[in-house]
């Protein structure tokens, strides 16, 4: 009898702890503005598993790709402002896409950043049968085919698009931009040789590089990646100002109260520190998370938004 009482007390304590952390007592809808299998979806599903365990509620991943994130954002902002509907997104949906695509939302007014979960560097990858094996060789090859080659991106107005346009200008190329709705369909075209190159997130390209299905030319970051230490940065290859990456995290509608936002922030950051989640994301090609408050993250989004506005202006990237 005493053992049964202890078991009941322990179970009740765990339940109360989970309820204290939760910001809703109903299943949570986790929107993803990208198709299944892409970078955002990978993080969302790992996070959903951990978050569900932590708060004691089902977390249902709902993929709504397209329109530069507008479809998912519309679903989020039209939902009740109780924080029950959240969105896992890459930062480019807030800081890049709105500069070059007509969206039905203002990323600085309609969306409230909550917490990050992971970050990912960009990499320049190519078809496995391309004769070029280095960035220098790749540029020479593209120049020999001037006017007939293209580059893929996982969406117009993202760092995947920006980096390709900047490569064009810096290397004197005229690669045509071919946008896709997410990394998987774009990478399929690159692997098949229909499109020669692409700037993609480390997380989605890494397993394909390791499997020999893609070539990798460089990392678009300040330092080499721990995942591929033998691969040079693009700056090392003579392409400066090619530093691109995204954080992946949770945002909510701006109508969600600060109190609820702070509760979500605490729950997301706790989940992000769980060893199981961290190990899964690092193994998938992501970098370790840097915890920030919701206010700090909002300030960082403003800085990145302004930086990308300048990139669009400097490199004359046009609105699609």
C-alpha atoms as a PDB file:
ATOM      1  CA  UNK A   1       0.000   0.000   0.000  1.00  0.00           C
ATOM      2  CA  UNK A   2       2.832   2.376   0.933  1.00  0.00           C
ATOM      3  CA  UNK A   3       4.555   1.645  -2.379  1.00  0.00           C
ATOM      4  CA  UNK A   4       1.348   2.385  -4.312  1.00  0.00           C
ATOM      5  CA  UNK A   5       0.961   5.739  -2.536  1.00  0.00           C
ATOM      6  CA  UNK A   6       4.582   6.628  -3.371  1.00  0.00           C
ATOM      7  CA  UNK A   7       4.068   5.698  -7.014  1.00  0.00           C
ATOM      8  CA  UNK A   8       0.886   7.775  -7.166  1.00  0.00           C
ATOM      9  CA  UNK A   9       2.620  10.762  -5.546  1.00  0.00           C
ATOM     10  CA  UNK A  10       5.522  10.519  -7.978  1.00  0.00           C
ATOM     11  CA  UNK A  11       3.194  10.314 -10.982  1.00  0.00           C
ATOM     12  CA  UNK A  12       1.157  13.254  -9.707  1.00  0.00           C
ATOM     13  CA  UNK A  13       4.329  15.300  -9.247  1.00  0.00           C
ATOM     14  CA  UNK A  14       5.449  14.619 -12.796  1.00  0.00           C
ATOM     15  CA  UNK A  15       2.014  15.536 -14.116  1.00  0.00           C
ATOM     16  CA  UNK A  16       1.948  18.790 -12.170  1.00  0.00           C
ATOM     17  CA  UNK A  17       5.452  19.618 -13.382  1.00  0.00           C
ATOM     18  CA  UNK A  18       4.456  18.994 -17.009  1.00  0.00           C
ATOM     19  CA  UNK A  19       1.310  21.080 -16.620  1.00  0.00           C
ATOM     20  CA  UNK A  20       3.277  23.933 -15.056  1.00  0.00           C
ATOM     21  CA  UNK A  21       5.575  24.037 -18.062  1.00  0.00           C
ATOM     22  CA  UNK A  22       2.799  23.791 -20.639  1.00  0.00           C
ATOM     23  CA  UNK A  23       1.179  26.899 -22.060  1.00  0.00           C
ATOM     24  CA  UNK A  24      -1.911  24.981 -23.169  1.00  0.00           C
ATOM     25  CA  UNK A  25      -3.811  21.926 -21.993  1.00  0.00           C
ATOM     26  CA  UNK A  26      -4.673  20.877 -25.541  1.00  0.00           C
ATOM     27  CA  UNK A  27      -2.681  19.309 -28.402  1.00  0.00           C
ATOM     28  CA  UNK A  28      -0.229  21.774 -29.943  1.00  0.00           C
ATOM     29  CA  UNK A  29      -0.252  22.437 -33.666  1.00  0.00           C
ATOM     30  CA  UNK A  30       3.267  22.943 -35.016  1.00  0.00           C
ATOM     31  CA  UNK A  31       3.201  24.530 -38.466  1.00  0.00           C
ATOM     32  CA  UNK A  32       6.161  24.165 -40.847  1.00  0.00           C
ATOM     33  CA  UNK A  33       6.388  26.443 -43.935  1.00  0.00           C
ATOM     34  CA  UNK A  34       8.220  23.758 -45.937  1.00  0.00           C
ATOM     35  CA  UNK A  35       7.608  20.251 -47.279  1.00  0.00           C
ATOM     36  CA  UNK A  36       8.414  17.075 -45.393  1.00  0.00           C
ATOM     37  CA  UNK A  37      12.067  16.089 -45.512  1.00  0.00           C
ATOM     38  CA  UNK A  38      13.594  19.572 -45.631  1.00  0.00           C
ATOM     39  CA  UNK A  39      15.721  21.332 -43.027  1.00  0.00           C
ATOM     40  CA  UNK A  40      12.826  22.936 -41.166  1.00  0.00           C
ATOM     41  CA  UNK A  41      10.818  19.721 -41.165  1.00  0.00           C
ATOM     42  CA  UNK A  42      13.732  17.714 -39.748  1.00  0.00           C
ATOM     43  CA  UNK A  43      14.061  20.104 -36.804  1.00  0.00           C
ATOM     44  CA  UNK A  44      10.298  20.337 -36.289  1.00  0.00           C
ATOM     45  CA  UNK A  45       9.848  16.592 -35.955  1.00  0.00           C
ATOM     46  CA  UNK A  46      12.769  16.156 -33.565  1.00  0.00           C
ATOM     47  CA  UNK A  47      11.520  19.089 -31.491  1.00  0.00           C
ATOM     48  CA  UNK A  48       7.917  17.858 -31.537  1.00  0.00           C
ATOM     49  CA  UNK A  49       8.969  14.514 -30.035  1.00  0.00           C
ATOM     50  CA  UNK A  50      10.936  16.131 -27.225  1.00  0.00           C
ATOM     51  CA  UNK A  51       8.414  18.874 -26.537  1.00  0.00           C
ATOM     52  CA  UNK A  52       5.553  16.401 -26.333  1.00  0.00           C
ATOM     53  CA  UNK A  53       7.487  14.413 -23.740  1.00  0.00           C
ATOM     54  CA  UNK A  54       8.352  17.531 -21.745  1.00  0.00           C
ATOM     55  CA  UNK A  55       4.923  19.165 -21.572  1.00  0.00           C
ATOM     56  CA  UNK A  56       2.686  16.127 -21.637  1.00  0.00           C
ATOM     57  CA  UNK A  57       0.692  17.126 -24.721  1.00  0.00           C
ATOM     58  CA  UNK A  58       0.632  15.816 -28.300  1.00  0.00           C
ATOM     59  CA  UNK A  59       2.531  18.059 -30.721  1.00  0.00           C
ATOM     60  CA  UNK A  60       1.189  17.670 -34.254  1.00  0.00           C
ATOM     61  CA  UNK A  61       3.467  18.714 -37.140  1.00  0.00           C
ATOM     62  CA  UNK A  62       1.508  20.347 -39.979  1.00  0.00           C
ATOM     63  CA  UNK A  63       3.494  21.055 -43.178  1.00  0.00           C
ATOM     64  CA  UNK A  64       2.233  24.053 -45.148  1.00  0.00           C
ATOM     65  CA  UNK A  65       4.856  24.917 -47.791  1.00  0.00           C
ATOM     66  CA  UNK A  66       4.692  27.577 -50.471  1.00  0.00           C
ATOM     67  CA  UNK A  67       4.311  31.300 -51.115  1.00  0.00           C
ATOM     68  CA  UNK A  68       7.482  32.198 -49.230  1.00  0.00           C
ATOM     69  CA  UNK A  69       5.999  31.071 -45.934  1.00  0.00           C
ATOM     70  CA  UNK A  70       2.778  33.031 -46.381  1.00  0.00           C
ATOM     71  CA  UNK A  71       0.523  29.963 -46.289  1.00  0.00           C
ATOM     72  CA  UNK A  72       1.891  28.785 -42.952  1.00  0.00           C
ATOM     73  CA  UNK A  73       2.011  32.301 -41.495  1.00  0.00           C
ATOM     74  CA  UNK A  74      -1.614  32.912 -42.494  1.00  0.00           C
ATOM     75  CA  UNK A  75      -2.630  29.695 -40.747  1.00  0.00           C
ATOM     76  CA  UNK A  76      -0.741  30.761 -37.634  1.00  0.00           C
ATOM     77  CA  UNK A  77      -1.973  34.350 -37.430  1.00  0.00           C
ATOM     78  CA  UNK A  78      -5.593  33.351 -38.091  1.00  0.00           C
ATOM     79  CA  UNK A  79      -5.553  30.827 -35.226  1.00  0.00           C
ATOM     80  CA  UNK A  80      -6.477  31.675 -31.644  1.00  0.00           C
ATOM     81  CA  UNK A  81      -3.842  33.797 -29.890  1.00  0.00           C
ATOM     82  CA  UNK A  82      -3.452  31.362 -26.988  1.00  0.00           C
ATOM     83  CA  UNK A  83      -0.098  30.033 -28.225  1.00  0.00           C
ATOM     84  CA  UNK A  84      -1.563  26.647 -29.040  1.00  0.00           C
ATOM     85  CA  UNK A  85      -0.558  27.125 -32.698  1.00  0.00           C
ATOM     86  CA  UNK A  86       3.171  27.687 -33.157  1.00  0.00           C
ATOM     87  CA  UNK A  87       5.485  27.582 -36.160  1.00  0.00           C
ATOM     88  CA  UNK A  88       8.941  26.086 -36.622  1.00  0.00           C
ATOM     89  CA  UNK A  89      10.758  28.086 -39.252  1.00  0.00           C
ATOM     90  CA  UNK A  90      14.164  28.970 -40.546  1.00  0.00           C
ATOM     91  CA  UNK A  91      15.134  32.583 -39.985  1.00  0.00           C
ATOM     92  CA  UNK A  92      15.120  33.276 -43.735  1.00  0.00           C
ATOM     93  CA  UNK A  93      11.321  33.287 -43.753  1.00  0.00           C
ATOM     94  CA  UNK A  94      11.522  36.388 -41.550  1.00  0.00           C
ATOM     95  CA  UNK A  95      14.731  38.050 -42.686  1.00  0.00           C
ATOM     96  CA  UNK A  96      15.253  37.180 -46.357  1.00  0.00           C
ATOM     97  CA  UNK A  97      12.147  36.178 -48.291  1.00  0.00           C
ATOM     98  CA  UNK A  98      10.128  39.367 -47.570  1.00  0.00           C
ATOM     99  CA  UNK A  99      12.774  41.429 -49.378  1.00  0.00           C
ATOM    100  CA  UNK A 100      12.318  39.659 -52.694  1.00  0.00           C
ATOM    101  CA  UNK A 101       8.847  38.158 -52.646  1.00  0.00           C
ATOM    102  CA  UNK A 102       5.398  39.630 -52.176  1.00  0.00           C
ATOM    103  CA  UNK A 103       4.147  38.108 -48.956  1.00  0.00           C
ATOM    104  CA  UNK A 104       0.909  38.690 -47.092  1.00  0.00           C
ATOM    105  CA  UNK A 105       2.655  39.314 -43.781  1.00  0.00           C
ATOM    106  CA  UNK A 106       5.016  41.803 -42.184  1.00  0.00           C
ATOM    107  CA  UNK A 107       7.780  39.733 -40.538  1.00  0.00           C
ATOM    108  CA  UNK A 108       8.557  42.441 -37.990  1.00  0.00           C
ATOM    109  CA  UNK A 109       4.959  43.201 -37.013  1.00  0.00           C
ATOM    110  CA  UNK A 110       2.856  40.079 -37.560  1.00  0.00           C
ATOM    111  CA  UNK A 111       5.310  37.489 -36.235  1.00  0.00           C
ATOM    112  CA  UNK A 112       6.950  37.196 -32.842  1.00  0.00           C
ATOM    113  CA  UNK A 113      10.231  35.214 -32.619  1.00  0.00           C
ATOM    114  CA  UNK A 114      10.220  32.972 -29.544  1.00  0.00           C
ATOM    115  CA  UNK A 115      13.274  30.703 -29.333  1.00  0.00           C
ATOM    116  CA  UNK A 116      15.929  29.028 -31.454  1.00  0.00           C
ATOM    117  CA  UNK A 117      16.563  25.289 -31.561  1.00  0.00           C
ATOM    118  CA  UNK A 118      19.548  24.908 -33.900  1.00  0.00           C
ATOM    119  CA  UNK A 119      21.521  26.612 -36.646  1.00  0.00           C
ATOM    120  CA  UNK A 120      22.853  25.407 -39.982  1.00  0.00           C
ATOM    121  CA  UNK A 121      25.545  26.656 -42.342  1.00  0.00           C
ATOM    122  CA  UNK A 122      25.083  26.859 -46.101  1.00  0.00           C
ATOM    123  CA  UNK A 123      27.193  24.743 -48.446  1.00  0.00           C
ATOM    124  CA  UNK A 124      27.822  24.896 -52.181  1.00  0.00           C
ATOM    125  CA  UNK A 125      27.086  21.496 -53.671  1.00  0.00           C
ATOM    126  CA  UNK A 126      27.039  20.141 -57.207  1.00  0.00           C
ATOM    127  CA  UNK A 127      26.018  17.207 -59.345  1.00  0.00           C
ATOM    128  CA  UNK A 128      28.173  14.121 -58.761  1.00  0.00           C
ATOM    129  CA  UNK A 129      29.267  13.915 -62.409  1.00  0.00           C
ATOM    130  CA  UNK A 130      30.434  17.522 -62.776  1.00  0.00           C
ATOM    131  CA  UNK A 131      34.034  17.535 -64.030  1.00  0.00           C
ATOM    132  CA  UNK A 132      34.918  20.479 -61.766  1.00  0.00           C
ATOM    133  CA  UNK A 133      36.287  19.403 -58.386  1.00  0.00           C
ATOM    134  CA  UNK A 134      37.151  22.799 -56.837  1.00  0.00           C
ATOM    135  CA  UNK A 135      35.495  26.208 -56.741  1.00  0.00           C
ATOM    136  CA  UNK A 136      38.088  27.543 -59.175  1.00  0.00           C
ATOM    137  CA  UNK A 137      37.400  24.682 -61.569  1.00  0.00           C
ATOM    138  CA  UNK A 138      33.671  25.134 -61.143  1.00  0.00           C
ATOM    139  CA  UNK A 139      33.843  28.812 -62.111  1.00  0.00           C
ATOM    140  CA  UNK A 140      35.984  27.985 -65.155  1.00  0.00           C
ATOM    141  CA  UNK A 141      33.561  25.249 -66.179  1.00  0.00           C
ATOM    142  CA  UNK A 142      30.551  27.583 -65.821  1.00  0.00           C
ATOM    143  CA  UNK A 143      32.286  30.237 -67.917  1.00  0.00           C
ATOM    144  CA  UNK A 144      32.927  27.686 -70.655  1.00  0.00           C
ATOM    145  CA  UNK A 145      29.173  27.017 -70.704  1.00  0.00           C
ATOM    146  CA  UNK A 146      28.144  30.673 -70.403  1.00  0.00           C
ATOM    147  CA  UNK A 147      24.438  31.152 -70.973  1.00  0.00           C
ATOM    148  CA  UNK A 148      23.469  27.502 -70.683  1.00  0.00           C
ATOM    149  CA  UNK A 149      23.751  26.601 -66.971  1.00  0.00           C
ATOM    150  CA  UNK A 150      21.569  27.290 -63.934  1.00  0.00           C
ATOM    151  CA  UNK A 151      21.572  27.008 -60.151  1.00  0.00           C
ATOM    152  CA  UNK A 152      18.805  25.669 -57.940  1.00  0.00           C
ATOM    153  CA  UNK A 153      17.509  27.145 -54.697  1.00  0.00           C
ATOM    154  CA  UNK A 154      15.124  25.795 -52.101  1.00  0.00           C
ATOM    155  CA  UNK A 155      12.965  28.909 -52.479  1.00  0.00           C
ATOM    156  CA  UNK A 156      13.143  32.324 -54.068  1.00  0.00           C
ATOM    157  CA  UNK A 157      14.306  35.022 -51.679  1.00  0.00           C
ATOM    158  CA  UNK A 158      16.283  32.785 -49.334  1.00  0.00           C
ATOM    159  CA  UNK A 159      20.013  32.569 -48.649  1.00  0.00           C
ATOM    160  CA  UNK A 160      20.014  29.680 -51.118  1.00  0.00           C
ATOM    161  CA  UNK A 161      18.895  32.205 -53.754  1.00  0.00           C
ATOM    162  CA  UNK A 162      21.013  35.132 -52.469  1.00  0.00           C
ATOM    163  CA  UNK A 163      24.223  33.119 -52.479  1.00  0.00           C
ATOM    164  CA  UNK A 164      23.717  31.977 -56.072  1.00  0.00           C
ATOM    165  CA  UNK A 165      23.120  35.522 -57.257  1.00  0.00           C
ATOM    166  CA  UNK A 166      26.181  36.785 -55.407  1.00  0.00           C
ATOM    167  CA  UNK A 167      28.253  33.966 -56.909  1.00  0.00           C
ATOM    168  CA  UNK A 168      27.093  35.138 -60.350  1.00  0.00           C
ATOM    169  CA  UNK A 169      28.243  38.686 -59.691  1.00  0.00           C
ATOM    170  CA  UNK A 170      31.528  37.868 -57.958  1.00  0.00           C
ATOM    171  CA  UNK A 171      32.616  35.245 -60.483  1.00  0.00           C
ATOM    172  CA  UNK A 172      31.222  36.934 -63.594  1.00  0.00           C
ATOM    173  CA  UNK A 173      28.747  34.158 -64.341  1.00  0.00           C
ATOM    174  CA  UNK A 174      25.206  34.180 -65.705  1.00  0.00           C
ATOM    175  CA  UNK A 175      23.728  31.102 -64.067  1.00  0.00           C
ATOM    176  CA  UNK A 176      19.927  31.173 -64.235  1.00  0.00           C
ATOM    177  CA  UNK A 177      18.012  30.850 -60.981  1.00  0.00           C
ATOM    178  CA  UNK A 178      15.579  27.911 -60.693  1.00  0.00           C
ATOM    179  CA  UNK A 179      13.620  28.009 -57.397  1.00  0.00           C
ATOM    180  CA  UNK A 180      11.916  25.004 -55.813  1.00  0.00           C
ATOM    181  CA  UNK A 181       9.525  24.461 -52.916  1.00  0.00           C
ATOM    182  CA  UNK A 182      12.098  23.123 -50.484  1.00  0.00           C
ATOM    183  CA  UNK A 183      15.456  21.360 -50.551  1.00  0.00           C
ATOM    184  CA  UNK A 184      14.379  17.802 -51.462  1.00  0.00           C
ATOM    185  CA  UNK A 185      12.996  18.560 -54.957  1.00  0.00           C
ATOM    186  CA  UNK A 186      15.877  20.931 -55.701  1.00  0.00           C
ATOM    187  CA  UNK A 187      18.493  18.426 -54.578  1.00  0.00           C
ATOM    188  CA  UNK A 188      16.859  15.720 -56.684  1.00  0.00           C
ATOM    189  CA  UNK A 189      17.491  17.840 -59.773  1.00  0.00           C
ATOM    190  CA  UNK A 190      21.101  18.504 -58.751  1.00  0.00           C
ATOM    191  CA  UNK A 191      21.791  14.846 -58.007  1.00  0.00           C
ATOM    192  CA  UNK A 192      20.283  13.919 -61.348  1.00  0.00           C
ATOM    193  CA  UNK A 193      22.469  16.415 -63.177  1.00  0.00           C
ATOM    194  CA  UNK A 194      19.566  18.460 -64.589  1.00  0.00           C
ATOM    195  CA  UNK A 195      20.823  21.483 -62.598  1.00  0.00           C
ATOM    196  CA  UNK A 196      24.564  21.607 -61.878  1.00  0.00           C
ATOM    197  CA  UNK A 197      24.834  23.400 -58.521  1.00  0.00           C
ATOM    198  CA  UNK A 198      22.962  24.671 -55.491  1.00  0.00           C
ATOM    199  CA  UNK A 199      23.569  26.446 -52.203  1.00  0.00           C
ATOM    200  CA  UNK A 200      21.853  24.319 -49.571  1.00  0.00           C
ATOM    201  CA  UNK A 201      21.719  23.874 -45.824  1.00  0.00           C
ATOM    202  CA  UNK A 202      24.348  21.596 -44.305  1.00  0.00           C
ATOM    203  CA  UNK A 203      21.705  19.400 -42.656  1.00  0.00           C
ATOM    204  CA  UNK A 204      19.987  18.319 -45.868  1.00  0.00           C
ATOM    205  CA  UNK A 205      23.105  18.043 -48.025  1.00  0.00           C
ATOM    206  CA  UNK A 206      25.468  16.348 -45.553  1.00  0.00           C
ATOM    207  CA  UNK A 207      24.105  12.781 -45.836  1.00  0.00           C
ATOM    208  CA  UNK A 208      24.034  13.058 -49.636  1.00  0.00           C
ATOM    209  CA  UNK A 209      27.620  14.318 -49.705  1.00  0.00           C
ATOM    210  CA  UNK A 210      28.719  11.436 -47.483  1.00  0.00           C
ATOM    211  CA  UNK A 211      26.860   8.995 -49.735  1.00  0.00           C
ATOM    212  CA  UNK A 212      28.623  10.332 -52.826  1.00  0.00           C
ATOM    213  CA  UNK A 213      25.399  11.621 -54.346  1.00  0.00           C
ATOM    214  CA  UNK A 214      26.607  15.236 -54.274  1.00  0.00           C
ATOM    215  CA  UNK A 215      29.934  16.984 -54.595  1.00  0.00           C
ATOM    216  CA  UNK A 216      30.735  19.716 -52.097  1.00  0.00           C
ATOM    217  CA  UNK A 217      32.790  22.754 -53.046  1.00  0.00           C
ATOM    218  CA  UNK A 218      32.791  24.952 -49.970  1.00  0.00           C
ATOM    219  CA  UNK A 219      31.101  26.114 -46.781  1.00  0.00           C
ATOM    220  CA  UNK A 220      29.496  29.559 -46.673  1.00  0.00           C
ATOM    221  CA  UNK A 221      30.669  30.456 -43.162  1.00  0.00           C
ATOM    222  CA  UNK A 222      33.523  32.220 -41.381  1.00  0.00           C
ATOM    223  CA  UNK A 223      35.112  28.993 -40.270  1.00  0.00           C
ATOM    224  CA  UNK A 224      35.201  25.423 -41.493  1.00  0.00           C
ATOM    225  CA  UNK A 225      32.451  23.131 -40.301  1.00  0.00           C
ATOM    226  CA  UNK A 226      33.130  20.487 -37.675  1.00  0.00           C
ATOM    227  CA  UNK A 227      30.969  18.181 -39.799  1.00  0.00           C
ATOM    228  CA  UNK A 228      33.298  18.466 -42.833  1.00  0.00           C
ATOM    229  CA  UNK A 229      36.610  19.891 -41.567  1.00  0.00           C
ATOM    230  CA  UNK A 230      38.396  18.988 -44.796  1.00  0.00           C
ATOM    231  CA  UNK A 231      36.107  21.242 -46.863  1.00  0.00           C
ATOM    232  CA  UNK A 232      37.329  24.869 -47.230  1.00  0.00           C
ATOM    233  CA  UNK A 233      35.201  27.912 -46.653  1.00  0.00           C
ATOM    234  CA  UNK A 234      34.235  29.862 -49.746  1.00  0.00           C
ATOM    235  CA  UNK A 235      36.334  32.751 -48.437  1.00  0.00           C
ATOM    236  CA  UNK A 236      39.358  30.441 -48.517  1.00  0.00           C
ATOM    237  CA  UNK A 237      38.483  29.755 -52.156  1.00  0.00           C
ATOM    238  CA  UNK A 238      38.529  33.472 -52.967  1.00  0.00           C
ATOM    239  CA  UNK A 239      34.799  34.215 -52.592  1.00  0.00           C
ATOM    240  CA  UNK A 240      34.487  36.725 -49.756  1.00  0.00           C
ATOM    241  CA  UNK A 241      31.181  37.934 -48.296  1.00  0.00           C
ATOM    242  CA  UNK A 242      29.708  34.492 -48.867  1.00  0.00           C
ATOM    243  CA  UNK A 243      28.662  33.826 -45.288  1.00  0.00           C
ATOM    244  CA  UNK A 244      25.165  32.454 -45.045  1.00  0.00           C
ATOM    245  CA  UNK A 245      23.300  30.313 -42.591  1.00  0.00           C
ATOM    246  CA  UNK A 246      20.027  30.178 -40.747  1.00  0.00           C
ATOM    247  CA  UNK A 247      18.803  29.474 -37.291  1.00  0.00           C
ATOM    248  CA  UNK A 248      15.773  27.247 -36.978  1.00  0.00           C
ATOM    249  CA  UNK A 249      13.357  27.925 -34.165  1.00  0.00           C
ATOM    250  CA  UNK A 250       9.856  28.704 -33.012  1.00  0.00           C
ATOM    251  CA  UNK A 251       7.755  31.789 -33.751  1.00  0.00           C
ATOM    252  CA  UNK A 252       4.180  32.714 -32.901  1.00  0.00           C
ATOM    253  CA  UNK A 253       1.651  35.292 -33.948  1.00  0.00           C
ATOM    254  CA  UNK A 254       2.360  38.773 -32.596  1.00  0.00           C
ATOM    255  CA  UNK A 255      -1.054  38.616 -30.926  1.00  0.00           C
ATOM    256  CA  UNK A 256       0.213  36.025 -28.429  1.00  0.00           C
ATOM    257  CA  UNK A 257       0.764  37.653 -25.037  1.00  0.00           C
ATOM    258  CA  UNK A 258       4.260  38.256 -23.620  1.00  0.00           C
ATOM    259  CA  UNK A 259       3.437  35.946 -20.705  1.00  0.00           C
ATOM    260  CA  UNK A 260       2.575  33.030 -22.984  1.00  0.00           C
ATOM    261  CA  UNK A 261       5.533  33.828 -25.244  1.00  0.00           C
ATOM    262  CA  UNK A 262       7.912  33.598 -22.292  1.00  0.00           C
ATOM    263  CA  UNK A 263       6.410  30.244 -21.268  1.00  0.00           C
ATOM    264  CA  UNK A 264       6.908  28.898 -24.784  1.00  0.00           C
ATOM    265  CA  UNK A 265      10.472  30.266 -24.825  1.00  0.00           C
ATOM    266  CA  UNK A 266      11.287  28.432 -21.599  1.00  0.00           C
ATOM    267  CA  UNK A 267       9.786  25.176 -22.847  1.00  0.00           C
ATOM    268  CA  UNK A 268      11.545  25.338 -26.226  1.00  0.00           C
ATOM    269  CA  UNK A 269      14.941  26.151 -24.721  1.00  0.00           C
ATOM    270  CA  UNK A 270      14.529  23.315 -22.206  1.00  0.00           C
ATOM    271  CA  UNK A 271      13.703  20.911 -25.040  1.00  0.00           C
ATOM    272  CA  UNK A 272      16.665  22.190 -27.072  1.00  0.00           C
ATOM    273  CA  UNK A 273      19.020  21.298 -24.212  1.00  0.00           C
ATOM    274  CA  UNK A 274      17.804  17.712 -23.926  1.00  0.00           C
ATOM    275  CA  UNK A 275      20.774  15.438 -24.760  1.00  0.00           C
ATOM    276  CA  UNK A 276      18.666  13.250 -27.046  1.00  0.00           C
ATOM    277  CA  UNK A 277      17.494  16.217 -29.123  1.00  0.00           C
ATOM    278  CA  UNK A 278      20.936  17.851 -29.243  1.00  0.00           C
ATOM    279  CA  UNK A 279      22.615  14.639 -30.327  1.00  0.00           C
ATOM    280  CA  UNK A 280      20.033  13.979 -33.022  1.00  0.00           C
ATOM    281  CA  UNK A 281      20.357  17.474 -34.477  1.00  0.00           C
ATOM    282  CA  UNK A 282      24.165  17.511 -34.400  1.00  0.00           C
ATOM    283  CA  UNK A 283      24.205  14.088 -36.060  1.00  0.00           C
ATOM    284  CA  UNK A 284      21.887  15.515 -38.730  1.00  0.00           C
ATOM    285  CA  UNK A 285      24.331  18.309 -39.560  1.00  0.00           C
ATOM    286  CA  UNK A 286      23.145  21.148 -37.335  1.00  0.00           C
ATOM    287  CA  UNK A 287      25.205  23.261 -34.958  1.00  0.00           C
ATOM    288  CA  UNK A 288      24.620  23.493 -31.217  1.00  0.00           C
ATOM    289  CA  UNK A 289      21.929  25.933 -30.127  1.00  0.00           C
ATOM    290  CA  UNK A 290      22.670  29.354 -28.624  1.00  0.00           C
ATOM    291  CA  UNK A 291      19.955  30.157 -26.097  1.00  0.00           C
ATOM    292  CA  UNK A 292      18.358  33.610 -26.261  1.00  0.00           C
ATOM    293  CA  UNK A 293      15.348  35.250 -24.687  1.00  0.00           C
ATOM    294  CA  UNK A 294      12.422  36.129 -26.928  1.00  0.00           C
ATOM    295  CA  UNK A 295      13.476  39.801 -26.753  1.00  0.00           C
ATOM    296  CA  UNK A 296      17.088  39.039 -27.707  1.00  0.00           C
ATOM    297  CA  UNK A 297      15.928  36.945 -30.633  1.00  0.00           C
ATOM    298  CA  UNK A 298      13.588  39.669 -31.849  1.00  0.00           C
ATOM    299  CA  UNK A 299      16.480  42.147 -31.781  1.00  0.00           C
ATOM    300  CA  UNK A 300      18.675  39.711 -33.722  1.00  0.00           C
ATOM    301  CA  UNK A 301      15.940  39.277 -36.348  1.00  0.00           C
ATOM    302  CA  UNK A 302      15.831  43.044 -36.846  1.00  0.00           C
ATOM    303  CA  UNK A 303      19.607  43.172 -37.388  1.00  0.00           C
ATOM    304  CA  UNK A 304      19.549  40.295 -39.876  1.00  0.00           C
ATOM    305  CA  UNK A 305      16.544  41.772 -41.686  1.00  0.00           C
ATOM    306  CA  UNK A 306      18.418  45.044 -42.173  1.00  0.00           C
ATOM    307  CA  UNK A 307      21.585  43.240 -43.315  1.00  0.00           C
ATOM    308  CA  UNK A 308      19.667  41.306 -45.965  1.00  0.00           C
ATOM    309  CA  UNK A 309      17.898  44.444 -47.155  1.00  0.00           C
ATOM    310  CA  UNK A 310      21.345  45.854 -47.875  1.00  0.00           C
ATOM    311  CA  UNK A 311      22.376  42.674 -49.718  1.00  0.00           C
ATOM    312  CA  UNK A 312      19.307  42.891 -51.927  1.00  0.00           C
ATOM    313  CA  UNK A 313      20.139  46.505 -52.722  1.00  0.00           C
ATOM    314  CA  UNK A 314      23.879  45.974 -53.256  1.00  0.00           C
ATOM    315  CA  UNK A 315      23.475  42.985 -55.552  1.00  0.00           C
ATOM    316  CA  UNK A 316      20.357  44.230 -57.295  1.00  0.00           C
ATOM    317  CA  UNK A 317      18.309  41.153 -56.445  1.00  0.00           C
ATOM    318  CA  UNK A 318      14.890  41.772 -57.917  1.00  0.00           C
ATOM    319  CA  UNK A 319      11.433  41.073 -56.518  1.00  0.00           C
ATOM    320  CA  UNK A 320       9.938  37.920 -57.998  1.00  0.00           C
END
